[in-house]
Amino acid sequence: MNSFSYTINADSSAMCGTQNSDWSSVVTAQTTTGLPDYDQAFIIYPNPAKNVVIIQYVVNNEYFSGGIQVCDVYGKTVVETFHETSLPETHIDVSGLAAGLYFVRIATDRGLVTKPFVKR
């Protein structure tokens, strides 16, 4: 879990001279999923892809539950597969897809990770 703290001060000096508000009290916000860091755990290549997209796992597989979907830009699932946890990467056949932008959606124990790729 990541935690962020900040204070706020309004500065209207550009419009009205030198008028500043008092600083607010400290506000703390926390992310609950940790996905921004975990998003870096997966590498998608080649991008653009012609026939195969490879998903490589660069962290311990303990967080990976195995479900993988390829979705089009409308969110429709066009390919669905399951990953064997003993393998460091998964190859997905995209040769039958039309050229365009797609998204790989990876189900993990921490939530979903979505990565874009282009099919050429």
PDB file of N, CA and C in Angstrom:
ATOM      1  N   MET A   1       0.843  -1.172   0.000  1.00  0.00           N
ATOM      2  CA  MET A   1       0.000   0.000   0.000  1.00  0.00           C
ATOM      3  C   MET A   1       0.889   1.235   0.000  1.00  0.00           C
ATOM      4  N   ASN A   2       0.614   2.166  -0.894  1.00  0.00           N
ATOM      5  CA  ASN A   2       1.350   3.423  -0.971  1.00  0.00           C
ATOM      6  C   ASN A   2       0.571   4.506  -0.246  1.00  0.00           C
ATOM      7  N   SER A   3       1.290   5.414   0.411  1.00  0.00           N
ATOM      8  CA  SER A   3       0.653   6.508   1.135  1.00  0.00           C
ATOM      9  C   SER A   3       1.233   7.827   0.647  1.00  0.00           C
ATOM     10  N   PHE A   4       0.366   8.819   0.450  1.00  0.00           N
ATOM     11  CA  PHE A   4       0.774  10.132  -0.015  1.00  0.00           C
ATOM     12  C   PHE A   4       0.207  11.183   0.928  1.00  0.00           C
ATOM     13  N   SER A   5       1.013  12.176   1.299  1.00  0.00           N
ATOM     14  CA  SER A   5       0.554  13.282   2.147  1.00  0.00           C
ATOM     15  C   SER A   5       0.810  14.593   1.421  1.00  0.00           C
ATOM     16  N   TYR A   6      -0.119  15.541   1.563  1.00  0.00           N
ATOM     17  CA  TYR A   6       0.051  16.825   0.905  1.00  0.00           C
ATOM     18  C   TYR A   6      -0.736  17.895   1.662  1.00  0.00           C
ATOM     19  N   THR A   7      -0.361  19.156   1.392  1.00  0.00           N
ATOM     20  CA  THR A   7      -1.113  20.311   1.891  1.00  0.00           C
ATOM     21  C   THR A   7      -1.451  21.180   0.693  1.00  0.00           C
ATOM     22  N   ILE A   8      -2.454  22.036   0.858  1.00  0.00           N
ATOM     23  CA  ILE A   8      -2.919  22.871  -0.248  1.00  0.00           C
ATOM     24  C   ILE A   8      -2.877  24.336   0.172  1.00  0.00           C
ATOM     25  N   ASN A   9      -2.441  25.194  -0.779  1.00  0.00           N
ATOM     26  CA  ASN A   9      -2.381  26.633  -0.568  1.00  0.00           C
ATOM     27  C   ASN A   9      -2.837  27.300  -1.855  1.00  0.00           C
ATOM     28  N   ALA A  10      -3.801  28.213  -1.762  1.00  0.00           N
ATOM     29  CA  ALA A  10      -4.265  28.940  -2.955  1.00  0.00           C
ATOM     30  C   ALA A  10      -3.423  30.195  -3.133  1.00  0.00           C
ATOM     31  N   ASP A  11      -2.873  30.375  -4.331  1.00  0.00           N
ATOM     32  CA  ASP A  11      -2.037  31.527  -4.651  1.00  0.00           C
ATOM     33  C   ASP A  11      -2.677  32.261  -5.822  1.00  0.00           C
ATOM     34  N   SER A  12      -3.199  33.434  -5.563  1.00  0.00           N
ATOM     35  CA  SER A  12      -3.836  34.207  -6.633  1.00  0.00           C
ATOM     36  C   SER A  12      -2.988  35.412  -7.027  1.00  0.00           C
ATOM     37  N   SER A  13      -1.690  35.363  -6.763  1.00  0.00           N
ATOM     38  CA  SER A  13      -0.821  36.508  -7.024  1.00  0.00           C
ATOM     39  C   SER A  13      -0.753  36.878  -8.501  1.00  0.00           C
ATOM     40  N   ALA A  14      -0.940  35.935  -9.377  1.00  0.00           N
ATOM     41  CA  ALA A  14      -0.874  36.235 -10.806  1.00  0.00           C
ATOM     42  C   ALA A  14      -2.051  37.098 -11.242  1.00  0.00           C
ATOM     43  N   MET A  15      -3.146  37.045 -10.502  1.00  0.00           N
ATOM     44  CA  MET A  15      -4.342  37.779 -10.908  1.00  0.00           C
ATOM     45  C   MET A  15      -4.614  39.004 -10.036  1.00  0.00           C
ATOM     46  N   CYS A  16      -4.329  38.918  -8.751  1.00  0.00           N
ATOM     47  CA  CYS A  16      -4.794  39.965  -7.830  1.00  0.00           C
ATOM     48  C   CYS A  16      -3.693  40.512  -6.931  1.00  0.00           C
ATOM     49  N   GLY A  17      -2.479  40.474  -7.307  1.00  0.00           N
ATOM     50  CA  GLY A  17      -1.419  40.927  -6.411  1.00  0.00           C
ATOM     51  C   GLY A  17      -0.868  39.770  -5.612  1.00  0.00           C
ATOM     52  N   THR A  18      -0.570  39.995  -4.351  1.00  0.00           N
ATOM     53  CA  THR A  18       0.040  38.945  -3.531  1.00  0.00           C
ATOM     54  C   THR A  18      -0.936  38.472  -2.463  1.00  0.00           C
ATOM     55  N   GLN A  19      -1.895  37.684  -2.868  1.00  0.00           N
ATOM     56  CA  GLN A  19      -2.876  37.144  -1.932  1.00  0.00           C
ATOM     57  C   GLN A  19      -2.753  35.630  -1.900  1.00  0.00           C
ATOM     58  N   ASN A  20      -2.432  35.113  -0.739  1.00  0.00           N
ATOM     59  CA  ASN A  20      -2.316  33.672  -0.548  1.00  0.00           C
ATOM     60  C   ASN A  20      -3.238  33.242   0.578  1.00  0.00           C
ATOM     61  N   SER A  21      -3.785  32.068   0.466  1.00  0.00           N
ATOM     62  CA  SER A  21      -4.580  31.523   1.560  1.00  0.00           C
ATOM     63  C   SER A  21      -3.649  30.853   2.563  1.00  0.00           C
ATOM     64  N   ASP A  22      -4.184  30.529   3.725  1.00  0.00           N
ATOM     65  CA  ASP A  22      -3.424  29.733   4.684  1.00  0.00           C
ATOM     66  C   ASP A  22      -3.270  28.325   4.120  1.00  0.00           C
ATOM     67  N   TRP A  23      -2.258  27.608   4.575  1.00  0.00           N
ATOM     68  CA  TRP A  23      -2.065  26.217   4.167  1.00  0.00           C
ATOM     69  C   TRP A  23      -3.139  25.358   4.813  1.00  0.00           C
ATOM     70  N   SER A  24      -3.620  24.385   4.095  1.00  0.00           N
ATOM     71  CA  SER A  24      -4.618  23.468   4.644  1.00  0.00           C
ATOM     72  C   SER A  24      -3.941  22.530   5.639  1.00  0.00           C
ATOM     73  N   SER A  25      -4.744  21.806   6.370  1.00  0.00           N
ATOM     74  CA  SER A  25      -4.170  20.763   7.221  1.00  0.00           C
ATOM     75  C   SER A  25      -3.659  19.648   6.313  1.00  0.00           C
ATOM     76  N   VAL A  26      -2.817  18.773   6.825  1.00  0.00           N
ATOM     77  CA  VAL A  26      -2.234  17.695   6.031  1.00  0.00           C
ATOM     78  C   VAL A  26      -3.320  16.695   5.659  1.00  0.00           C
ATOM     79  N   VAL A  27      -3.364  16.364   4.389  1.00  0.00           N
ATOM     80  CA  VAL A  27      -4.299  15.367   3.873  1.00  0.00           C
ATOM     81  C   VAL A  27      -3.477  14.152   3.463  1.00  0.00           C
ATOM     82  N   THR A  28      -3.901  12.968   3.894  1.00  0.00           N
ATOM     83  CA  THR A  28      -3.185  11.742   3.547  1.00  0.00           C
ATOM     84  C   THR A  28      -4.102  10.847   2.729  1.00  0.00           C
ATOM     85  N   ALA A  29      -3.586  10.331   1.628  1.00  0.00           N
ATOM     86  CA  ALA A  29      -4.344   9.403   0.779  1.00  0.00           C
ATOM     87  C   ALA A  29      -3.524   8.134   0.618  1.00  0.00           C
ATOM     88  N   GLN A  30      -4.202   7.009   0.520  1.00  0.00           N
ATOM     89  CA  GLN A  30      -3.524   5.735   0.342  1.00  0.00           C
ATOM     90  C   GLN A  30      -4.120   4.993  -0.843  1.00  0.00           C
ATOM     91  N   THR A  31      -3.240   4.351  -1.621  1.00  0.00           N
ATOM     92  CA  THR A  31      -3.732   3.467  -2.666  1.00  0.00           C
ATOM     93  C   THR A  31      -3.998   2.132  -2.017  1.00  0.00           C
ATOM     94  N   THR A  32      -5.026   1.456  -2.464  1.00  0.00           N
ATOM     95  CA  THR A  32      -5.413   0.219  -1.801  1.00  0.00           C
ATOM     96  C   THR A  32      -4.954  -1.035  -2.528  1.00  0.00           C
ATOM     97  N   THR A  33      -4.677  -0.961  -3.829  1.00  0.00           N
ATOM     98  CA  THR A  33      -4.356  -2.180  -4.568  1.00  0.00           C
ATOM     99  C   THR A  33      -2.874  -2.406  -4.773  1.00  0.00           C
ATOM    100  N   GLY A  34      -2.096  -1.355  -4.822  1.00  0.00           N
ATOM    101  CA  GLY A  34      -0.679  -1.523  -5.118  1.00  0.00           C
ATOM    102  C   GLY A  34      -0.424  -1.844  -6.578  1.00  0.00           C
ATOM    103  N   LEU A  35      -1.411  -1.773  -7.441  1.00  0.00           N
ATOM    104  CA  LEU A  35      -1.251  -2.152  -8.840  1.00  0.00           C
ATOM    105  C   LEU A  35      -0.297  -1.288  -9.634  1.00  0.00           C
ATOM    106  N   PRO A  36      -0.143   0.022  -9.365  1.00  0.00           N
ATOM    107  CA  PRO A  36       0.804   0.759 -10.183  1.00  0.00           C
ATOM    108  C   PRO A  36       2.207   0.156 -10.161  1.00  0.00           C
ATOM    109  N   ASP A  37       2.684  -0.318  -9.012  1.00  0.00           N
ATOM    110  CA  ASP A  37       3.988  -0.967  -8.947  1.00  0.00           C
ATOM    111  C   ASP A  37       3.938  -2.351  -9.578  1.00  0.00           C
ATOM    112  N   TYR A  38       2.858  -3.074  -9.357  1.00  0.00           N
ATOM    113  CA  TYR A  38       2.730  -4.436  -9.863  1.00  0.00           C
ATOM    114  C   TYR A  38       2.565  -4.458 -11.374  1.00  0.00           C
ATOM    115  N   ASP A  39       2.063  -3.366 -11.944  1.00  0.00           N
ATOM    116  CA  ASP A  39       1.911  -3.253 -13.383  1.00  0.00           C
ATOM    117  C   ASP A  39       3.244  -3.487 -14.093  1.00  0.00           C
ATOM    118  N   GLN A  40       4.344  -3.135 -13.443  1.00  0.00           N
ATOM    119  CA  GLN A  40       5.672  -3.313 -14.024  1.00  0.00           C
ATOM    120  C   GLN A  40       6.138  -4.766 -13.976  1.00  0.00           C
ATOM    121  N   ALA A  41       5.365  -5.655 -13.378  1.00  0.00           N
ATOM    122  CA  ALA A  41       5.741  -7.055 -13.242  1.00  0.00           C
ATOM    123  C   ALA A  41       5.567  -7.841 -14.539  1.00  0.00           C
ATOM    124  N   PHE A  42       4.911  -7.250 -15.532  1.00  0.00           N
ATOM    125  CA  PHE A  42       4.621  -7.933 -16.783  1.00  0.00           C
ATOM    126  C   PHE A  42       5.173  -7.142 -17.957  1.00  0.00           C
ATOM    127  N   ILE A  43       5.833  -7.848 -18.867  1.00  0.00           N
ATOM    128  CA  ILE A  43       6.351  -7.236 -20.091  1.00  0.00           C
ATOM    129  C   ILE A  43       5.631  -7.889 -21.264  1.00  0.00           C
ATOM    130  N   ILE A  44       5.119  -7.076 -22.174  1.00  0.00           N
ATOM    131  CA  ILE A  44       4.433  -7.562 -23.369  1.00  0.00           C
ATOM    132  C   ILE A  44       5.312  -7.249 -24.576  1.00  0.00           C
ATOM    133  N   TYR A  45       5.642  -8.257 -25.375  1.00  0.00           N
ATOM    134  CA  TYR A  45       6.432  -8.033 -26.581  1.00  0.00           C
ATOM    135  C   TYR A  45       6.149  -9.146 -27.575  1.00  0.00           C
ATOM    136  N   PRO A  46       6.473  -9.010 -28.852  1.00  0.00           N
ATOM    137  CA  PRO A  46       6.870  -7.763 -29.513  1.00  0.00           C
ATOM    138  C   PRO A  46       5.662  -6.828 -29.615  1.00  0.00           C
ATOM    139  N   ASN A  47       5.949  -5.583 -29.736  1.00  0.00           N
ATOM    140  CA  ASN A  47       4.888  -4.595 -29.864  1.00  0.00           C
ATOM    141  C   ASN A  47       5.343  -3.526 -30.841  1.00  0.00           C
ATOM    142  N   PRO A  48       4.850  -3.520 -32.061  1.00  0.00           N
ATOM    143  CA  PRO A  48       3.689  -4.240 -32.558  1.00  0.00           C
ATOM    144  C   PRO A  48       3.977  -5.725 -32.802  1.00  0.00           C
ATOM    145  N   ALA A  49       2.915  -6.518 -32.779  1.00  0.00           N
ATOM    146  CA  ALA A  49       3.019  -7.971 -32.945  1.00  0.00           C
ATOM    147  C   ALA A  49       2.401  -8.377 -34.278  1.00  0.00           C
ATOM    148  N   LYS A  50       2.929  -9.455 -34.842  1.00  0.00           N
ATOM    149  CA  LYS A  50       2.367  -9.964 -36.091  1.00  0.00           C
ATOM    150  C   LYS A  50       1.559 -11.240 -35.844  1.00  0.00           C
ATOM    151  N   ASN A  51       2.187 -12.253 -35.235  1.00  0.00           N
ATOM    152  CA  ASN A  51       1.512 -13.541 -35.039  1.00  0.00           C
ATOM    153  C   ASN A  51       1.373 -13.952 -33.576  1.00  0.00           C
ATOM    154  N   VAL A  52       2.335 -13.537 -32.749  1.00  0.00           N
ATOM    155  CA  VAL A  52       2.365 -13.977 -31.354  1.00  0.00           C
ATOM    156  C   VAL A  52       2.690 -12.800 -30.447  1.00  0.00           C
ATOM    157  N   VAL A  53       2.003 -12.726 -29.310  1.00  0.00           N
ATOM    158  CA  VAL A  53       2.333 -11.784 -28.247  1.00  0.00           C
ATOM    159  C   VAL A  53       2.874 -12.618 -27.094  1.00  0.00           C
ATOM    160  N   ILE A  54       3.998 -12.179 -26.529  1.00  0.00           N
ATOM    161  CA  ILE A  54       4.599 -12.885 -25.401  1.00  0.00           C
ATOM    162  C   ILE A  54       4.418 -12.041 -24.146  1.00  0.00           C
ATOM    163  N   ILE A  55       3.896 -12.667 -23.113  1.00  0.00           N
ATOM    164  CA  ILE A  55       3.773 -12.023 -21.808  1.00  0.00           C
ATOM    165  C   ILE A  55       4.831 -12.647 -20.919  1.00  0.00           C
ATOM    166  N   GLN A  56       5.756 -11.826 -20.471  1.00  0.00           N
ATOM    167  CA  GLN A  56       6.843 -12.309 -19.614  1.00  0.00           C
ATOM    168  C   GLN A  56       6.606 -11.796 -18.199  1.00  0.00           C
ATOM    169  N   TYR A  57       6.790 -12.679 -17.219  1.00  0.00           N
ATOM    170  CA  TYR A  57       6.582 -12.345 -15.816  1.00  0.00           C
ATOM    171  C   TYR A  57       7.929 -12.065 -15.189  1.00  0.00           C
ATOM    172  N   VAL A  58       8.099 -10.879 -14.629  1.00  0.00           N
ATOM    173  CA  VAL A  58       9.398 -10.498 -14.082  1.00  0.00           C
ATOM    174  C   VAL A  58       9.389 -10.443 -12.561  1.00  0.00           C
ATOM    175  N   VAL A  59       8.349 -11.018 -11.941  1.00  0.00           N
ATOM    176  CA  VAL A  59       8.290 -11.138 -10.481  1.00  0.00           C
ATOM    177  C   VAL A  59       7.884 -12.552 -10.130  1.00  0.00           C
ATOM    178  N   ASN A  60       7.916 -12.843  -8.859  1.00  0.00           N
ATOM    179  CA  ASN A  60       7.496 -14.142  -8.354  1.00  0.00           C
ATOM    180  C   ASN A  60       6.043 -14.405  -8.756  1.00  0.00           C
ATOM    181  N   ASN A  61       5.740 -15.590  -9.237  1.00  0.00           N
ATOM    182  CA  ASN A  61       4.395 -15.935  -9.705  1.00  0.00           C
ATOM    183  C   ASN A  61       3.367 -16.092  -8.594  1.00  0.00           C
ATOM    184  N   GLU A  62       3.740 -15.894  -7.336  1.00  0.00           N
ATOM    185  CA  GLU A  62       2.789 -16.110  -6.259  1.00  0.00           C
ATOM    186  C   GLU A  62       1.561 -15.207  -6.369  1.00  0.00           C
ATOM    187  N   TYR A  63       1.672 -14.054  -7.061  1.00  0.00           N
ATOM    188  CA  TYR A  63       0.556 -13.140  -7.189  1.00  0.00           C
ATOM    189  C   TYR A  63      -0.262 -13.389  -8.447  1.00  0.00           C
ATOM    190  N   PHE A  64       0.162 -14.282  -9.289  1.00  0.00           N
ATOM    191  CA  PHE A  64      -0.474 -14.463 -10.582  1.00  0.00           C
ATOM    192  C   PHE A  64      -1.449 -15.626 -10.541  1.00  0.00           C
ATOM    193  N   SER A  65      -2.715 -15.348 -10.833  1.00  0.00           N
ATOM    194  CA  SER A  65      -3.722 -16.400 -10.755  1.00  0.00           C
ATOM    195  C   SER A  65      -3.933 -17.123 -12.076  1.00  0.00           C
ATOM    196  N   GLY A  66      -3.444 -16.570 -13.174  1.00  0.00           N
ATOM    197  CA  GLY A  66      -3.423 -17.325 -14.414  1.00  0.00           C
ATOM    198  C   GLY A  66      -4.361 -16.939 -15.525  1.00  0.00           C
ATOM    199  N   GLY A  67      -5.405 -16.144 -15.281  1.00  0.00           N
ATOM    200  CA  GLY A  67      -6.327 -15.799 -16.347  1.00  0.00           C
ATOM    201  C   GLY A  67      -5.803 -14.671 -17.219  1.00  0.00           C
ATOM    202  N   ILE A  68      -5.828 -14.861 -18.546  1.00  0.00           N
ATOM    203  CA  ILE A  68      -5.352 -13.848 -19.482  1.00  0.00           C
ATOM    204  C   ILE A  68      -6.404 -13.677 -20.576  1.00  0.00           C
ATOM    205  N   GLN A  69      -6.735 -12.427 -20.881  1.00  0.00           N
ATOM    206  CA  GLN A  69      -7.658 -12.124 -21.966  1.00  0.00           C
ATOM    207  C   GLN A  69      -7.018 -11.102 -22.893  1.00  0.00           C
ATOM    208  N   VAL A  70      -7.302 -11.221 -24.176  1.00  0.00           N
ATOM    209  CA  VAL A  70      -6.969 -10.173 -25.133  1.00  0.00           C
ATOM    210  C   VAL A  70      -8.305  -9.538 -25.515  1.00  0.00           C
ATOM    211  N   CYS A  71      -8.393  -8.218 -25.360  1.00  0.00           N
ATOM    212  CA  CYS A  71      -9.639  -7.494 -25.638  1.00  0.00           C
ATOM    213  C   CYS A  71      -9.411  -6.465 -26.740  1.00  0.00           C
ATOM    214  N   ASP A  72     -10.462  -6.230 -27.511  1.00  0.00           N
ATOM    215  CA  ASP A  72     -10.373  -5.181 -28.527  1.00  0.00           C
ATOM    216  C   ASP A  72     -10.642  -3.823 -27.869  1.00  0.00           C
ATOM    217  N   VAL A  73     -10.638  -2.759 -28.661  1.00  0.00           N
ATOM    218  CA  VAL A  73     -10.799  -1.413 -28.104  1.00  0.00           C
ATOM    219  C   VAL A  73     -12.194  -1.180 -27.528  1.00  0.00           C
ATOM    220  N   TYR A  74     -13.133  -2.068 -27.819  1.00  0.00           N
ATOM    221  CA  TYR A  74     -14.486  -1.952 -27.277  1.00  0.00           C
ATOM    222  C   TYR A  74     -14.657  -2.764 -25.991  1.00  0.00           C
ATOM    223  N   GLY A  75     -13.587  -3.456 -25.569  1.00  0.00           N
ATOM    224  CA  GLY A  75     -13.644  -4.258 -24.349  1.00  0.00           C
ATOM    225  C   GLY A  75     -14.109  -5.684 -24.569  1.00  0.00           C
ATOM    226  N   LYS A  76     -14.364  -6.065 -25.809  1.00  0.00           N
ATOM    227  CA  LYS A  76     -14.806  -7.426 -26.119  1.00  0.00           C
ATOM    228  C   LYS A  76     -13.611  -8.382 -26.061  1.00  0.00           C
ATOM    229  N   THR A  77     -13.776  -9.502 -25.364  1.00  0.00           N
ATOM    230  CA  THR A  77     -12.713 -10.504 -25.281  1.00  0.00           C
ATOM    231  C   THR A  77     -12.623 -11.236 -26.610  1.00  0.00           C
ATOM    232  N   VAL A  78     -11.418 -11.216 -27.221  1.00  0.00           N
ATOM    233  CA  VAL A  78     -11.220 -11.877 -28.512  1.00  0.00           C
ATOM    234  C   VAL A  78     -10.330 -13.107 -28.395  1.00  0.00           C
ATOM    235  N   VAL A  79      -9.556 -13.213 -27.313  1.00  0.00           N
ATOM    236  CA  VAL A  79      -8.736 -14.386 -27.016  1.00  0.00           C
ATOM    237  C   VAL A  79      -8.735 -14.557 -25.500  1.00  0.00           C
ATOM    238  N   GLU A  80      -8.890 -15.792 -25.038  1.00  0.00           N
ATOM    239  CA  GLU A  80      -8.830 -16.052 -23.604  1.00  0.00           C
ATOM    240  C   GLU A  80      -7.993 -17.304 -23.380  1.00  0.00           C
ATOM    241  N   THR A  81      -7.107 -17.245 -22.388  1.00  0.00           N
ATOM    242  CA  THR A  81      -6.228 -18.369 -22.110  1.00  0.00           C
ATOM    243  C   THR A  81      -5.923 -18.428 -20.618  1.00  0.00           C
ATOM    244  N   PHE A  82      -5.238 -19.468 -20.214  1.00  0.00           N
ATOM    245  CA  PHE A  82      -4.828 -19.630 -18.821  1.00  0.00           C
ATOM    246  C   PHE A  82      -3.336 -19.902 -18.799  1.00  0.00           C
ATOM    247  N   HIS A  83      -2.632 -19.319 -17.852  1.00  0.00           N
ATOM    248  CA  HIS A  83      -1.188 -19.459 -17.750  1.00  0.00           C
ATOM    249  C   HIS A  83      -0.820 -20.551 -16.759  1.00  0.00           C
ATOM    250  N   GLU A  84       0.128 -21.413 -17.149  1.00  0.00           N
ATOM    251  CA  GLU A  84       0.677 -22.406 -16.229  1.00  0.00           C
ATOM    252  C   GLU A  84       1.701 -21.717 -15.341  1.00  0.00           C
ATOM    253  N   THR A  85       1.524 -21.759 -14.031  1.00  0.00           N
ATOM    254  CA  THR A  85       2.364 -20.971 -13.127  1.00  0.00           C
ATOM    255  C   THR A  85       3.821 -21.395 -13.114  1.00  0.00           C
ATOM    256  N   SER A  86       4.150 -22.579 -13.635  1.00  0.00           N
ATOM    257  CA  SER A  86       5.556 -22.998 -13.642  1.00  0.00           C
ATOM    258  C   SER A  86       6.340 -22.370 -14.793  1.00  0.00           C
ATOM    259  N   LEU A  87       5.668 -21.726 -15.719  1.00  0.00           N
ATOM    260  CA  LEU A  87       6.337 -21.132 -16.880  1.00  0.00           C
ATOM    261  C   LEU A  87       6.616 -19.650 -16.647  1.00  0.00           C
ATOM    262  N   PRO A  88       7.786 -19.149 -17.105  1.00  0.00           N
ATOM    263  CA  PRO A  88       8.110 -17.726 -16.911  1.00  0.00           C
ATOM    264  C   PRO A  88       7.437 -16.800 -17.914  1.00  0.00           C
ATOM    265  N   GLU A  89       6.806 -17.368 -18.957  1.00  0.00           N
ATOM    266  CA  GLU A  89       6.152 -16.534 -19.955  1.00  0.00           C
ATOM    267  C   GLU A  89       5.047 -17.308 -20.644  1.00  0.00           C
ATOM    268  N   THR A  90       4.156 -16.573 -21.286  1.00  0.00           N
ATOM    269  CA  THR A  90       3.045 -17.154 -22.037  1.00  0.00           C
ATOM    270  C   THR A  90       3.062 -16.588 -23.445  1.00  0.00           C
ATOM    271  N   HIS A  91       2.836 -17.455 -24.429  1.00  0.00           N
ATOM    272  CA  HIS A  91       2.735 -17.046 -25.823  1.00  0.00           C
ATOM    273  C   HIS A  91       1.269 -17.093 -26.227  1.00  0.00           C
ATOM    274  N   ILE A  92       0.780 -15.985 -26.791  1.00  0.00           N
ATOM    275  CA  ILE A  92      -0.616 -15.917 -27.218  1.00  0.00           C
ATOM    276  C   ILE A  92      -0.653 -15.722 -28.727  1.00  0.00           C
ATOM    277  N   ASP A  93      -1.358 -16.616 -29.407  1.00  0.00           N
ATOM    278  CA  ASP A  93      -1.499 -16.541 -30.863  1.00  0.00           C
ATOM    279  C   ASP A  93      -2.482 -15.416 -31.208  1.00  0.00           C
ATOM    280  N   VAL A  94      -1.998 -14.398 -31.900  1.00  0.00           N
ATOM    281  CA  VAL A  94      -2.850 -13.286 -32.329  1.00  0.00           C
ATOM    282  C   VAL A  94      -2.913 -13.198 -33.853  1.00  0.00           C
ATOM    283  N   SER A  95      -2.459 -14.267 -34.528  1.00  0.00           N
ATOM    284  CA  SER A  95      -2.398 -14.245 -35.995  1.00  0.00           C
ATOM    285  C   SER A  95      -3.773 -14.081 -36.630  1.00  0.00           C
ATOM    286  N   GLY A  96      -4.826 -14.517 -35.973  1.00  0.00           N
ATOM    287  CA  GLY A  96      -6.167 -14.422 -36.527  1.00  0.00           C
ATOM    288  C   GLY A  96      -6.865 -13.093 -36.284  1.00  0.00           C
ATOM    289  N   LEU A  97      -6.222 -12.193 -35.558  1.00  0.00           N
ATOM    290  CA  LEU A  97      -6.830 -10.901 -35.261  1.00  0.00           C
ATOM    291  C   LEU A  97      -6.563  -9.892 -36.374  1.00  0.00           C
ATOM    292  N   ALA A  98      -7.501  -8.994 -36.571  1.00  0.00           N
ATOM    293  CA  ALA A  98      -7.316  -7.909 -37.533  1.00  0.00           C
ATOM    294  C   ALA A  98      -6.292  -6.922 -36.983  1.00  0.00           C
ATOM    295  N   ALA A  99      -5.647  -6.181 -37.873  1.00  0.00           N
ATOM    296  CA  ALA A  99      -4.693  -5.157 -37.443  1.00  0.00           C
ATOM    297  C   ALA A  99      -5.410  -4.118 -36.598  1.00  0.00           C
ATOM    298  N   GLY A 100      -4.731  -3.645 -35.541  1.00  0.00           N
ATOM    299  CA  GLY A 100      -5.335  -2.621 -34.693  1.00  0.00           C
ATOM    300  C   GLY A 100      -4.792  -2.660 -33.283  1.00  0.00           C
ATOM    301  N   LEU A 101      -5.412  -1.891 -32.405  1.00  0.00           N
ATOM    302  CA  LEU A 101      -5.016  -1.788 -31.004  1.00  0.00           C
ATOM    303  C   LEU A 101      -5.797  -2.797 -30.178  1.00  0.00           C
ATOM    304  N   TYR A 102      -5.084  -3.516 -29.297  1.00  0.00           N
ATOM    305  CA  TYR A 102      -5.695  -4.495 -28.397  1.00  0.00           C
ATOM    306  C   TYR A 102      -5.113  -4.306 -27.002  1.00  0.00           C
ATOM    307  N   PHE A 103      -5.748  -4.943 -26.036  1.00  0.00           N
ATOM    308  CA  PHE A 103      -5.291  -4.880 -24.654  1.00  0.00           C
ATOM    309  C   PHE A 103      -5.207  -6.283 -24.083  1.00  0.00           C
ATOM    310  N   VAL A 104      -4.091  -6.573 -23.420  1.00  0.00           N
ATOM    311  CA  VAL A 104      -3.950  -7.828 -22.696  1.00  0.00           C
ATOM    312  C   VAL A 104      -4.367  -7.548 -21.265  1.00  0.00           C
ATOM    313  N   ARG A 105      -5.332  -8.312 -20.768  1.00  0.00           N
ATOM    314  CA  ARG A 105      -5.833  -8.162 -19.395  1.00  0.00           C
ATOM    315  C   ARG A 105      -5.397  -9.400 -18.613  1.00  0.00           C
ATOM    316  N   ILE A 106      -4.581  -9.171 -17.578  1.00  0.00           N
ATOM    317  CA  ILE A 106      -3.993 -10.259 -16.799  1.00  0.00           C
ATOM    318  C   ILE A 106      -4.621 -10.256 -15.407  1.00  0.00           C
ATOM    319  N   ALA A 107      -5.259 -11.358 -15.038  1.00  0.00           N
ATOM    320  CA  ALA A 107      -5.870 -11.470 -13.711  1.00  0.00           C
ATOM    321  C   ALA A 107      -4.802 -11.878 -12.703  1.00  0.00           C
ATOM    322  N   THR A 108      -4.671 -11.100 -11.644  1.00  0.00           N
ATOM    323  CA  THR A 108      -3.712 -11.400 -10.588  1.00  0.00           C
ATOM    324  C   THR A 108      -4.436 -11.418  -9.251  1.00  0.00           C
ATOM    325  N   ASP A 109      -3.762 -11.883  -8.221  1.00  0.00           N
ATOM    326  CA  ASP A 109      -4.345 -11.872  -6.877  1.00  0.00           C
ATOM    327  C   ASP A 109      -4.547 -10.451  -6.373  1.00  0.00           C
ATOM    328  N   ARG A 110      -3.859  -9.484  -6.963  1.00  0.00           N
ATOM    329  CA  ARG A 110      -3.991  -8.079  -6.558  1.00  0.00           C
ATOM    330  C   ARG A 110      -4.999  -7.319  -7.407  1.00  0.00           C
ATOM    331  N   GLY A 111      -5.526  -7.936  -8.426  1.00  0.00           N
ATOM    332  CA  GLY A 111      -6.482  -7.275  -9.315  1.00  0.00           C
ATOM    333  C   GLY A 111      -6.102  -7.506 -10.767  1.00  0.00           C
ATOM    334  N   LEU A 112      -6.602  -6.661 -11.643  1.00  0.00           N
ATOM    335  CA  LEU A 112      -6.312  -6.787 -13.073  1.00  0.00           C
ATOM    336  C   LEU A 112      -5.186  -5.851 -13.482  1.00  0.00           C
ATOM    337  N   VAL A 113      -4.306  -6.355 -14.353  1.00  0.00           N
ATOM    338  CA  VAL A 113      -3.277  -5.534 -14.982  1.00  0.00           C
ATOM    339  C   VAL A 113      -3.618  -5.519 -16.463  1.00  0.00           C
ATOM    340  N   THR A 114      -3.673  -4.339 -17.050  1.00  0.00           N
ATOM    341  CA  THR A 114      -4.008  -4.207 -18.465  1.00  0.00           C
ATOM    342  C   THR A 114      -2.843  -3.540 -19.193  1.00  0.00           C
ATOM    343  N   LYS A 115      -2.427  -4.169 -20.294  1.00  0.00           N
ATOM    344  CA  LYS A 115      -1.320  -3.659 -21.107  1.00  0.00           C
ATOM    345  C   LYS A 115      -1.758  -3.590 -22.567  1.00  0.00           C
ATOM    346  N   PRO A 116      -1.457  -2.486 -23.256  1.00  0.00           N
ATOM    347  CA  PRO A 116      -1.834  -2.370 -24.665  1.00  0.00           C
ATOM    348  C   PRO A 116      -0.784  -3.000 -25.584  1.00  0.00           C
ATOM    349  N   PHE A 117      -1.238  -3.399 -26.776  1.00  0.00           N
ATOM    350  CA  PHE A 117      -0.302  -3.780 -27.840  1.00  0.00           C
ATOM    351  C   PHE A 117      -0.984  -3.540 -29.174  1.00  0.00           C
ATOM    352  N   VAL A 118      -0.167  -3.420 -30.206  1.00  0.00           N
ATOM    353  CA  VAL A 118      -0.677  -3.197 -31.557  1.00  0.00           C
ATOM    354  C   VAL A 118      -0.465  -4.465 -32.361  1.00  0.00           C
ATOM    355  N   LYS A 119      -1.513  -4.905 -33.063  1.00  0.00           N
ATOM    356  CA  LYS A 119      -1.419  -6.030 -33.983  1.00  0.00           C
ATOM    357  C   LYS A 119      -1.242  -5.443 -35.365  1.00  0.00           C
ATOM    358  N   ARG A 120      -0.184  -5.877 -36.058  1.00  0.00           N
ATOM    359  CA  ARG A 120       0.026  -5.344 -37.410  1.00  0.00           C
ATOM    360  C   ARG A 120      -0.322  -6.363 -38.452  1.00  0.00           C
TER     361      ARG A 120
END
